[in-house]
Amino acid sequence: MTTPLTVVASERPDGTPVLAVTGEIDMSNAGVLDDALTTSAGDDALLVDLSAVEYLDSAGLTVLFSHAARIRVLANPVIAPVLTISGFTEVTTVE
């Protein structure tokens, strides 16, 4: 059974916009992530917190790559290797 995707927009005390993502990102819900990234924070640098993401497939990676110029990503040990192998870490900051 898959874990539903949830996306919550917030702001850090320093004013940095944050998009906290939890669950699994796959082809069935990658559009939800894309919509959230498109509408979040205008042109400001956006921190995308993927620390609670349990699964990320190529559809999710495609969405992240399409927004790489304006996002920074916080990753967990489960998805960090996927971001590295895909080359995503070469186009944006991944913490």
PDB file of N, CA and C in Angstrom:
ATOM      1  N   MET A   1       0.842  -1.179   0.000  1.00  0.00           N
ATOM      2  CA  MET A   1       0.000   0.000   0.000  1.00  0.00           C
ATOM      3  C   MET A   1       0.890   1.246   0.000  1.00  0.00           C
ATOM      4  N   THR A   2       0.548   2.199  -0.827  1.00  0.00           N
ATOM      5  CA  THR A   2       1.346   3.416  -0.909  1.00  0.00           C
ATOM      6  C   THR A   2       0.912   4.430   0.139  1.00  0.00           C
ATOM      7  N   THR A   3       1.863   5.255   0.512  1.00  0.00           N
ATOM      8  CA  THR A   3       1.590   6.333   1.460  1.00  0.00           C
ATOM      9  C   THR A   3       1.128   7.549   0.665  1.00  0.00           C
ATOM     10  N   PRO A   4      -0.022   8.109   0.990  1.00  0.00           N
ATOM     11  CA  PRO A   4      -0.519   9.259   0.236  1.00  0.00           C
ATOM     12  C   PRO A   4       0.449  10.438   0.278  1.00  0.00           C
ATOM     13  N   LEU A   5       0.445  11.195  -0.801  1.00  0.00           N
ATOM     14  CA  LEU A   5       1.281  12.379  -0.896  1.00  0.00           C
ATOM     15  C   LEU A   5       0.576  13.558  -0.243  1.00  0.00           C
ATOM     16  N   THR A   6       1.296  14.266   0.621  1.00  0.00           N
ATOM     17  CA  THR A   6       0.789  15.514   1.162  1.00  0.00           C
ATOM     18  C   THR A   6       1.852  16.589   0.939  1.00  0.00           C
ATOM     19  N   VAL A   7       1.385  17.786   0.656  1.00  0.00           N
ATOM     20  CA  VAL A   7       2.270  18.914   0.397  1.00  0.00           C
ATOM     21  C   VAL A   7       1.754  20.097   1.211  1.00  0.00           C
ATOM     22  N   VAL A   8       2.636  20.641   2.060  1.00  0.00           N
ATOM     23  CA  VAL A   8       2.236  21.745   2.931  1.00  0.00           C
ATOM     24  C   VAL A   8       3.226  22.900   2.750  1.00  0.00           C
ATOM     25  N   ALA A   9       2.691  24.057   2.401  1.00  0.00           N
ATOM     26  CA  ALA A   9       3.519  25.253   2.254  1.00  0.00           C
ATOM     27  C   ALA A   9       3.592  25.992   3.582  1.00  0.00           C
ATOM     28  N   SER A  10       4.788  26.469   3.892  1.00  0.00           N
ATOM     29  CA  SER A  10       4.984  27.265   5.111  1.00  0.00           C
ATOM     30  C   SER A  10       6.166  28.196   4.887  1.00  0.00           C
ATOM     31  N   GLU A  11       6.597  28.815   5.969  1.00  0.00           N
ATOM     32  CA  GLU A  11       7.728  29.741   5.894  1.00  0.00           C
ATOM     33  C   GLU A  11       8.577  29.574   7.143  1.00  0.00           C
ATOM     34  N   ARG A  12       9.892  29.557   6.970  1.00  0.00           N
ATOM     35  CA  ARG A  12      10.802  29.515   8.112  1.00  0.00           C
ATOM     36  C   ARG A  12      10.808  30.885   8.788  1.00  0.00           C
ATOM     37  N   PRO A  13      11.273  30.944  10.046  1.00  0.00           N
ATOM     38  CA  PRO A  13      11.344  32.237  10.742  1.00  0.00           C
ATOM     39  C   PRO A  13      12.150  33.298   9.990  1.00  0.00           C
ATOM     40  N   ASP A  14      13.132  32.857   9.194  1.00  0.00           N
ATOM     41  CA  ASP A  14      13.939  33.820   8.441  1.00  0.00           C
ATOM     42  C   ASP A  14      13.273  34.263   7.138  1.00  0.00           C
ATOM     43  N   GLY A  15      12.058  33.768   6.885  1.00  0.00           N
ATOM     44  CA  GLY A  15      11.315  34.161   5.694  1.00  0.00           C
ATOM     45  C   GLY A  15      11.460  33.224   4.510  1.00  0.00           C
ATOM     46  N   THR A  16      12.290  32.197   4.634  1.00  0.00           N
ATOM     47  CA  THR A  16      12.472  31.234   3.549  1.00  0.00           C
ATOM     48  C   THR A  16      11.195  30.431   3.342  1.00  0.00           C
ATOM     49  N   PRO A  17      10.660  30.431   2.121  1.00  0.00           N
ATOM     50  CA  PRO A  17       9.477  29.618   1.856  1.00  0.00           C
ATOM     51  C   PRO A  17       9.851  28.137   1.821  1.00  0.00           C
ATOM     52  N   VAL A  18       9.002  27.320   2.409  1.00  0.00           N
ATOM     53  CA  VAL A  18       9.247  25.879   2.507  1.00  0.00           C
ATOM     54  C   VAL A  18       8.034  25.128   1.976  1.00  0.00           C
ATOM     55  N   LEU A  19       8.314  24.080   1.234  1.00  0.00           N
ATOM     56  CA  LEU A  19       7.274  23.170   0.794  1.00  0.00           C
ATOM     57  C   LEU A  19       7.626  21.812   1.379  1.00  0.00           C
ATOM     58  N   ALA A  20       6.878  21.394   2.409  1.00  0.00           N
ATOM     59  CA  ALA A  20       7.133  20.110   3.069  1.00  0.00           C
ATOM     60  C   ALA A  20       6.310  19.025   2.383  1.00  0.00           C
ATOM     61  N   VAL A  21       7.000  17.994   1.918  1.00  0.00           N
ATOM     62  CA  VAL A  21       6.366  16.921   1.169  1.00  0.00           C
ATOM     63  C   VAL A  21       6.511  15.627   1.962  1.00  0.00           C
ATOM     64  N   THR A  22       5.417  14.893   2.102  1.00  0.00           N
ATOM     65  CA  THR A  22       5.460  13.597   2.789  1.00  0.00           C
ATOM     66  C   THR A  22       4.770  12.545   1.936  1.00  0.00           C
ATOM     67  N   GLY A  23       5.149  11.310   2.170  1.00  0.00           N
ATOM     68  CA  GLY A  23       4.525  10.192   1.460  1.00  0.00           C
ATOM     69  C   GLY A  23       5.387   9.697   0.322  1.00  0.00           C
ATOM     70  N   GLU A  24       4.722   9.225  -0.731  1.00  0.00           N
ATOM     71  CA  GLU A  24       5.390   8.676  -1.900  1.00  0.00           C
ATOM     72  C   GLU A  24       5.078   9.532  -3.116  1.00  0.00           C
ATOM     73  N   ILE A  25       6.114   9.796  -3.926  1.00  0.00           N
ATOM     74  CA  ILE A  25       5.939  10.569  -5.147  1.00  0.00           C
ATOM     75  C   ILE A  25       6.133   9.622  -6.327  1.00  0.00           C
ATOM     76  N   ASP A  26       5.068   9.448  -7.090  1.00  0.00           N
ATOM     77  CA  ASP A  26       5.140   8.576  -8.258  1.00  0.00           C
ATOM     78  C   ASP A  26       4.286   9.160  -9.375  1.00  0.00           C
ATOM     79  N   MET A  27       4.148   8.412 -10.469  1.00  0.00           N
ATOM     80  CA  MET A  27       3.439   8.947 -11.625  1.00  0.00           C
ATOM     81  C   MET A  27       1.974   9.251 -11.342  1.00  0.00           C
ATOM     82  N   SER A  28       1.409   8.637 -10.309  1.00  0.00           N
ATOM     83  CA  SER A  28      -0.002   8.881 -10.004  1.00  0.00           C
ATOM     84  C   SER A  28      -0.239  10.230  -9.332  1.00  0.00           C
ATOM     85  N   ASN A  29       0.806  10.815  -8.750  1.00  0.00           N
ATOM     86  CA  ASN A  29       0.602  12.071  -8.019  1.00  0.00           C
ATOM     87  C   ASN A  29       1.679  13.123  -8.284  1.00  0.00           C
ATOM     88  N   ALA A  30       2.567  12.886  -9.228  1.00  0.00           N
ATOM     89  CA  ALA A  30       3.623  13.849  -9.529  1.00  0.00           C
ATOM     90  C   ALA A  30       3.045  15.198  -9.964  1.00  0.00           C
ATOM     91  N   GLY A  31       1.884  15.182 -10.578  1.00  0.00           N
ATOM     92  CA  GLY A  31       1.236  16.427 -10.987  1.00  0.00           C
ATOM     93  C   GLY A  31       0.876  17.303  -9.801  1.00  0.00           C
ATOM     94  N   VAL A  32       0.523  16.683  -8.686  1.00  0.00           N
ATOM     95  CA  VAL A  32       0.208  17.433  -7.465  1.00  0.00           C
ATOM     96  C   VAL A  32       1.454  18.182  -6.999  1.00  0.00           C
ATOM     97  N   LEU A  33       2.590  17.500  -7.004  1.00  0.00           N
ATOM     98  CA  LEU A  33       3.851  18.142  -6.626  1.00  0.00           C
ATOM     99  C   LEU A  33       4.200  19.256  -7.600  1.00  0.00           C
ATOM    100  N   ASP A  34       4.038  19.009  -8.881  1.00  0.00           N
ATOM    101  CA  ASP A  34       4.340  20.023  -9.886  1.00  0.00           C
ATOM    102  C   ASP A  34       3.472  21.270  -9.680  1.00  0.00           C
ATOM    103  N   ASP A  35       2.195  21.079  -9.442  1.00  0.00           N
ATOM    104  CA  ASP A  35       1.299  22.212  -9.190  1.00  0.00           C
ATOM    105  C   ASP A  35       1.737  23.005  -7.958  1.00  0.00           C
ATOM    106  N   ALA A  36       2.092  22.283  -6.895  1.00  0.00           N
ATOM    107  CA  ALA A  36       2.515  22.948  -5.659  1.00  0.00           C
ATOM    108  C   ALA A  36       3.804  23.738  -5.874  1.00  0.00           C
ATOM    109  N   LEU A  37       4.739  23.173  -6.612  1.00  0.00           N
ATOM    110  CA  LEU A  37       5.994  23.877  -6.891  1.00  0.00           C
ATOM    111  C   LEU A  37       5.760  25.083  -7.787  1.00  0.00           C
ATOM    112  N   THR A  38       4.868  24.953  -8.720  1.00  0.00           N
ATOM    113  CA  THR A  38       4.571  26.044  -9.645  1.00  0.00           C
ATOM    114  C   THR A  38       3.941  27.226  -8.932  1.00  0.00           C
ATOM    115  N   THR A  39       3.083  26.960  -7.972  1.00  0.00           N
ATOM    116  CA  THR A  39       2.352  28.037  -7.300  1.00  0.00           C
ATOM    117  C   THR A  39       3.028  28.544  -6.029  1.00  0.00           C
ATOM    118  N   SER A  40       4.094  27.899  -5.592  1.00  0.00           N
ATOM    119  CA  SER A  40       4.750  28.284  -4.338  1.00  0.00           C
ATOM    120  C   SER A  40       5.813  29.347  -4.530  1.00  0.00           C
ATOM    121  N   ALA A  41       5.713  30.381  -3.744  1.00  0.00           N
ATOM    122  CA  ALA A  41       6.781  31.364  -3.536  1.00  0.00           C
ATOM    123  C   ALA A  41       7.205  32.169  -4.744  1.00  0.00           C
ATOM    124  N   GLY A  42       6.431  32.192  -5.784  1.00  0.00           N
ATOM    125  CA  GLY A  42       6.794  33.030  -6.927  1.00  0.00           C
ATOM    126  C   GLY A  42       8.193  32.748  -7.425  1.00  0.00           C
ATOM    127  N   ASP A  43       9.018  33.779  -7.511  1.00  0.00           N
ATOM    128  CA  ASP A  43      10.385  33.620  -8.000  1.00  0.00           C
ATOM    129  C   ASP A  43      11.401  33.443  -6.891  1.00  0.00           C
ATOM    130  N   ASP A  44      10.956  33.438  -5.639  1.00  0.00           N
ATOM    131  CA  ASP A  44      11.877  33.273  -4.519  1.00  0.00           C
ATOM    132  C   ASP A  44      12.435  31.860  -4.497  1.00  0.00           C
ATOM    133  N   ALA A  45      13.648  31.727  -3.959  1.00  0.00           N
ATOM    134  CA  ALA A  45      14.237  30.408  -3.778  1.00  0.00           C
ATOM    135  C   ALA A  45      13.381  29.635  -2.788  1.00  0.00           C
ATOM    136  N   LEU A  46      13.034  28.438  -3.134  1.00  0.00           N
ATOM    137  CA  LEU A  46      12.125  27.615  -2.351  1.00  0.00           C
ATOM    138  C   LEU A  46      12.872  26.407  -1.794  1.00  0.00           C
ATOM    139  N   LEU A  47      12.707  26.144  -0.505  1.00  0.00           N
ATOM    140  CA  LEU A  47      13.257  24.946   0.096  1.00  0.00           C
ATOM    141  C   LEU A  47      12.196  23.864   0.023  1.00  0.00           C
ATOM    142  N   VAL A  48      12.513  22.771  -0.640  1.00  0.00           N
ATOM    143  CA  VAL A  48      11.602  21.643  -0.752  1.00  0.00           C
ATOM    144  C   VAL A  48      12.091  20.576   0.210  1.00  0.00           C
ATOM    145  N   ASP A  49      11.314  20.355   1.264  1.00  0.00           N
ATOM    146  CA  ASP A  49      11.685  19.407   2.312  1.00  0.00           C
ATOM    147  C   ASP A  49      11.127  18.031   1.958  1.00  0.00           C
ATOM    148  N   LEU A  50      12.013  17.157   1.492  1.00  0.00           N
ATOM    149  CA  LEU A  50      11.638  15.789   1.130  1.00  0.00           C
ATOM    150  C   LEU A  50      12.064  14.798   2.204  1.00  0.00           C
ATOM    151  N   SER A  51      12.339  15.286   3.404  1.00  0.00           N
ATOM    152  CA  SER A  51      12.845  14.407   4.457  1.00  0.00           C
ATOM    153  C   SER A  51      11.837  13.350   4.885  1.00  0.00           C
ATOM    154  N   ALA A  52      10.553  13.544   4.596  1.00  0.00           N
ATOM    155  CA  ALA A  52       9.535  12.548   4.951  1.00  0.00           C
ATOM    156  C   ALA A  52       9.002  11.802   3.729  1.00  0.00           C
ATOM    157  N   VAL A  53       9.716  11.891   2.608  1.00  0.00           N
ATOM    158  CA  VAL A  53       9.315  11.157   1.407  1.00  0.00           C
ATOM    159  C   VAL A  53       9.912   9.758   1.476  1.00  0.00           C
ATOM    160  N   GLU A  54       9.059   8.761   1.268  1.00  0.00           N
ATOM    161  CA  GLU A  54       9.475   7.363   1.377  1.00  0.00           C
ATOM    162  C   GLU A  54       9.843   6.732   0.042  1.00  0.00           C
ATOM    163  N   TYR A  55       9.391   7.353  -1.052  1.00  0.00           N
ATOM    164  CA  TYR A  55       9.613   6.782  -2.377  1.00  0.00           C
ATOM    165  C   TYR A  55       9.556   7.901  -3.406  1.00  0.00           C
ATOM    166  N   LEU A  56      10.446   7.838  -4.384  1.00  0.00           N
ATOM    167  CA  LEU A  56      10.501   8.842  -5.445  1.00  0.00           C
ATOM    168  C   LEU A  56      10.825   8.133  -6.745  1.00  0.00           C
ATOM    169  N   ASP A  57       9.905   8.190  -7.724  1.00  0.00           N
ATOM    170  CA  ASP A  57      10.187   7.537  -8.998  1.00  0.00           C
ATOM    171  C   ASP A  57      10.570   8.564 -10.060  1.00  0.00           C
ATOM    172  N   SER A  58      10.708   8.115 -11.291  1.00  0.00           N
ATOM    173  CA  SER A  58      11.174   8.994 -12.360  1.00  0.00           C
ATOM    174  C   SER A  58      10.210  10.140 -12.647  1.00  0.00           C
ATOM    175  N   ALA A  59       8.923   9.938 -12.436  1.00  0.00           N
ATOM    176  CA  ALA A  59       7.962  11.033 -12.636  1.00  0.00           C
ATOM    177  C   ALA A  59       8.218  12.146 -11.624  1.00  0.00           C
ATOM    178  N   GLY A  60       8.494  11.780 -10.392  1.00  0.00           N
ATOM    179  CA  GLY A  60       8.825  12.759  -9.371  1.00  0.00           C
ATOM    180  C   GLY A  60      10.131  13.463  -9.671  1.00  0.00           C
ATOM    181  N   LEU A  61      11.113  12.705 -10.141  1.00  0.00           N
ATOM    182  CA  LEU A  61      12.397  13.309 -10.524  1.00  0.00           C
ATOM    183  C   LEU A  61      12.218  14.309 -11.659  1.00  0.00           C
ATOM    184  N   THR A  62      11.378  13.968 -12.617  1.00  0.00           N
ATOM    185  CA  THR A  62      11.125  14.873 -13.740  1.00  0.00           C
ATOM    186  C   THR A  62      10.569  16.200 -13.244  1.00  0.00           C
ATOM    187  N   VAL A  63       9.654  16.140 -12.299  1.00  0.00           N
ATOM    188  CA  VAL A  63       9.083  17.361 -11.720  1.00  0.00           C
ATOM    189  C   VAL A  63      10.173  18.166 -11.020  1.00  0.00           C
ATOM    190  N   LEU A  64      10.982  17.507 -10.208  1.00  0.00           N
ATOM    191  CA  LEU A  64      12.050  18.214  -9.496  1.00  0.00           C
ATOM    192  C   LEU A  64      13.035  18.852 -10.471  1.00  0.00           C
ATOM    193  N   PHE A  65      13.419  18.129 -11.512  1.00  0.00           N
ATOM    194  CA  PHE A  65      14.343  18.687 -12.510  1.00  0.00           C
ATOM    195  C   PHE A  65      13.744  19.917 -13.181  1.00  0.00           C
ATOM    196  N   SER A  66      12.440  19.908 -13.433  1.00  0.00           N
ATOM    197  CA  SER A  66      11.834  21.040 -14.128  1.00  0.00           C
ATOM    198  C   SER A  66      11.802  22.306 -13.276  1.00  0.00           C
ATOM    199  N   HIS A  67      11.977  22.158 -11.968  1.00  0.00           N
ATOM    200  CA  HIS A  67      11.978  23.307 -11.064  1.00  0.00           C
ATOM    201  C   HIS A  67      13.353  23.548 -10.421  1.00  0.00           C
ATOM    202  N   ALA A  68      14.363  22.835 -10.868  1.00  0.00           N
ATOM    203  CA  ALA A  68      15.682  22.852 -10.218  1.00  0.00           C
ATOM    204  C   ALA A  68      16.302  24.238 -10.117  1.00  0.00           C
ATOM    205  N   ALA A  69      16.021  25.108 -11.046  1.00  0.00           N
ATOM    206  CA  ALA A  69      16.653  26.432 -11.042  1.00  0.00           C
ATOM    207  C   ALA A  69      16.227  27.296  -9.868  1.00  0.00           C
ATOM    208  N   ARG A  70      15.079  26.989  -9.249  1.00  0.00           N
ATOM    209  CA  ARG A  70      14.587  27.859  -8.180  1.00  0.00           C
ATOM    210  C   ARG A  70      14.333  27.141  -6.855  1.00  0.00           C
ATOM    211  N   ILE A  71      14.832  25.912  -6.737  1.00  0.00           N
ATOM    212  CA  ILE A  71      14.609  25.185  -5.480  1.00  0.00           C
ATOM    213  C   ILE A  71      15.919  24.693  -4.880  1.00  0.00           C
ATOM    214  N   ARG A  72      15.873  24.498  -3.562  1.00  0.00           N
ATOM    215  CA  ARG A  72      16.880  23.743  -2.822  1.00  0.00           C
ATOM    216  C   ARG A  72      16.120  22.577  -2.213  1.00  0.00           C
ATOM    217  N   VAL A  73      16.782  21.461  -2.024  1.00  0.00           N
ATOM    218  CA  VAL A  73      16.098  20.262  -1.549  1.00  0.00           C
ATOM    219  C   VAL A  73      16.749  19.736  -0.286  1.00  0.00           C
ATOM    220  N   LEU A  74      15.910  19.394   0.668  1.00  0.00           N
ATOM    221  CA  LEU A  74      16.337  18.697   1.872  1.00  0.00           C
ATOM    222  C   LEU A  74      15.910  17.248   1.698  1.00  0.00           C
ATOM    223  N   ALA A  75      16.889  16.339   1.634  1.00  0.00           N
ATOM    224  CA  ALA A  75      16.606  14.930   1.346  1.00  0.00           C
ATOM    225  C   ALA A  75      16.929  14.056   2.546  1.00  0.00           C
ATOM    226  N   ASN A  76      16.340  12.889   2.576  1.00  0.00           N
ATOM    227  CA  ASN A  76      16.636  11.902   3.610  1.00  0.00           C
ATOM    228  C   ASN A  76      17.534  10.812   3.024  1.00  0.00           C
ATOM    229  N   PRO A  77      18.071   9.926   3.856  1.00  0.00           N
ATOM    230  CA  PRO A  77      18.982   8.893   3.359  1.00  0.00           C
ATOM    231  C   PRO A  77      18.346   7.903   2.389  1.00  0.00           C
ATOM    232  N   VAL A  78      17.030   7.811   2.378  1.00  0.00           N
ATOM    233  CA  VAL A  78      16.356   6.878   1.463  1.00  0.00           C
ATOM    234  C   VAL A  78      16.379   7.405   0.032  1.00  0.00           C
ATOM    235  N   ILE A  79      16.102   8.688  -0.145  1.00  0.00           N
ATOM    236  CA  ILE A  79      16.028   9.219  -1.510  1.00  0.00           C
ATOM    237  C   ILE A  79      17.290   9.955  -1.961  1.00  0.00           C
ATOM    238  N   ALA A  80      18.191  10.258  -1.059  1.00  0.00           N
ATOM    239  CA  ALA A  80      19.423  10.957  -1.428  1.00  0.00           C
ATOM    240  C   ALA A  80      20.205  10.231  -2.532  1.00  0.00           C
ATOM    241  N   PRO A  81      20.359   8.908  -2.461  1.00  0.00           N
ATOM    242  CA  PRO A  81      21.087   8.225  -3.539  1.00  0.00           C
ATOM    243  C   PRO A  81      20.407   8.373  -4.906  1.00  0.00           C
ATOM    244  N   VAL A  82      19.088   8.395  -4.928  1.00  0.00           N
ATOM    245  CA  VAL A  82      18.354   8.563  -6.184  1.00  0.00           C
ATOM    246  C   VAL A  82      18.648   9.934  -6.776  1.00  0.00           C
ATOM    247  N   LEU A  83      18.684  10.940  -5.923  1.00  0.00           N
ATOM    248  CA  LEU A  83      18.973  12.293  -6.389  1.00  0.00           C
ATOM    249  C   LEU A  83      20.402  12.405  -6.907  1.00  0.00           C
ATOM    250  N   THR A  84      21.321  11.708  -6.277  1.00  0.00           N
ATOM    251  CA  THR A  84      22.721  11.728  -6.715  1.00  0.00           C
ATOM    252  C   THR A  84      22.901  10.979  -8.031  1.00  0.00           C
ATOM    253  N   ILE A  85      22.390   9.767  -8.107  1.00  0.00           N
ATOM    254  CA  ILE A  85      22.549   8.937  -9.311  1.00  0.00           C
ATOM    255  C   ILE A  85      21.898   9.588 -10.524  1.00  0.00           C
ATOM    256  N   SER A  86      20.788  10.252 -10.322  1.00  0.00           N
ATOM    257  CA  SER A  86      20.064  10.884 -11.438  1.00  0.00           C
ATOM    258  C   SER A  86      20.768  12.134 -11.952  1.00  0.00           C
ATOM    259  N   GLY A  87      21.718  12.672 -11.180  1.00  0.00           N
ATOM    260  CA  GLY A  87      22.402  13.895 -11.554  1.00  0.00           C
ATOM    261  C   GLY A  87      21.734  15.150 -11.023  1.00  0.00           C
ATOM    262  N   PHE A  88      20.662  14.978 -10.259  1.00  0.00           N
ATOM    263  CA  PHE A  88      19.946  16.127  -9.720  1.00  0.00           C
ATOM    264  C   PHE A  88      20.822  16.979  -8.807  1.00  0.00           C
ATOM    265  N   THR A  89      21.721  16.346  -8.073  1.00  0.00           N
ATOM    266  CA  THR A  89      22.604  17.074  -7.162  1.00  0.00           C
ATOM    267  C   THR A  89      23.591  17.977  -7.909  1.00  0.00           C
ATOM    268  N   GLU A  90      23.721  17.778  -9.201  1.00  0.00           N
ATOM    269  CA  GLU A  90      24.612  18.613 -10.006  1.00  0.00           C
ATOM    270  C   GLU A  90      23.919  19.875 -10.534  1.00  0.00           C
ATOM    271  N   VAL A  91      22.592  19.932 -10.414  1.00  0.00           N
ATOM    272  CA  VAL A  91      21.873  21.092 -10.957  1.00  0.00           C
ATOM    273  C   VAL A  91      21.232  21.959  -9.893  1.00  0.00           C
ATOM    274  N   THR A  92      21.211  21.497  -8.656  1.00  0.00           N
ATOM    275  CA  THR A  92      20.684  22.293  -7.546  1.00  0.00           C
ATOM    276  C   THR A  92      21.293  21.824  -6.239  1.00  0.00           C
ATOM    277  N   THR A  93      21.074  22.570  -5.195  1.00  0.00           N
ATOM    278  CA  THR A  93      21.612  22.227  -3.885  1.00  0.00           C
ATOM    279  C   THR A  93      20.727  21.183  -3.213  1.00  0.00           C
ATOM    280  N   VAL A  94      21.360  20.122  -2.741  1.00  0.00           N
ATOM    281  CA  VAL A  94      20.662  19.078  -1.989  1.00  0.00           C
ATOM    282  C   VAL A  94      21.364  18.930  -0.656  1.00  0.00           C
ATOM    283  N   GLU A  95      20.600  19.100   0.403  1.00  0.00           N
ATOM    284  CA  GLU A  95      21.149  18.985   1.759  1.00  0.00           C
ATOM    285  C   GLU A  95      20.765  17.646   2.343  1.00  0.00           C
TER     286      GLU A  95
END
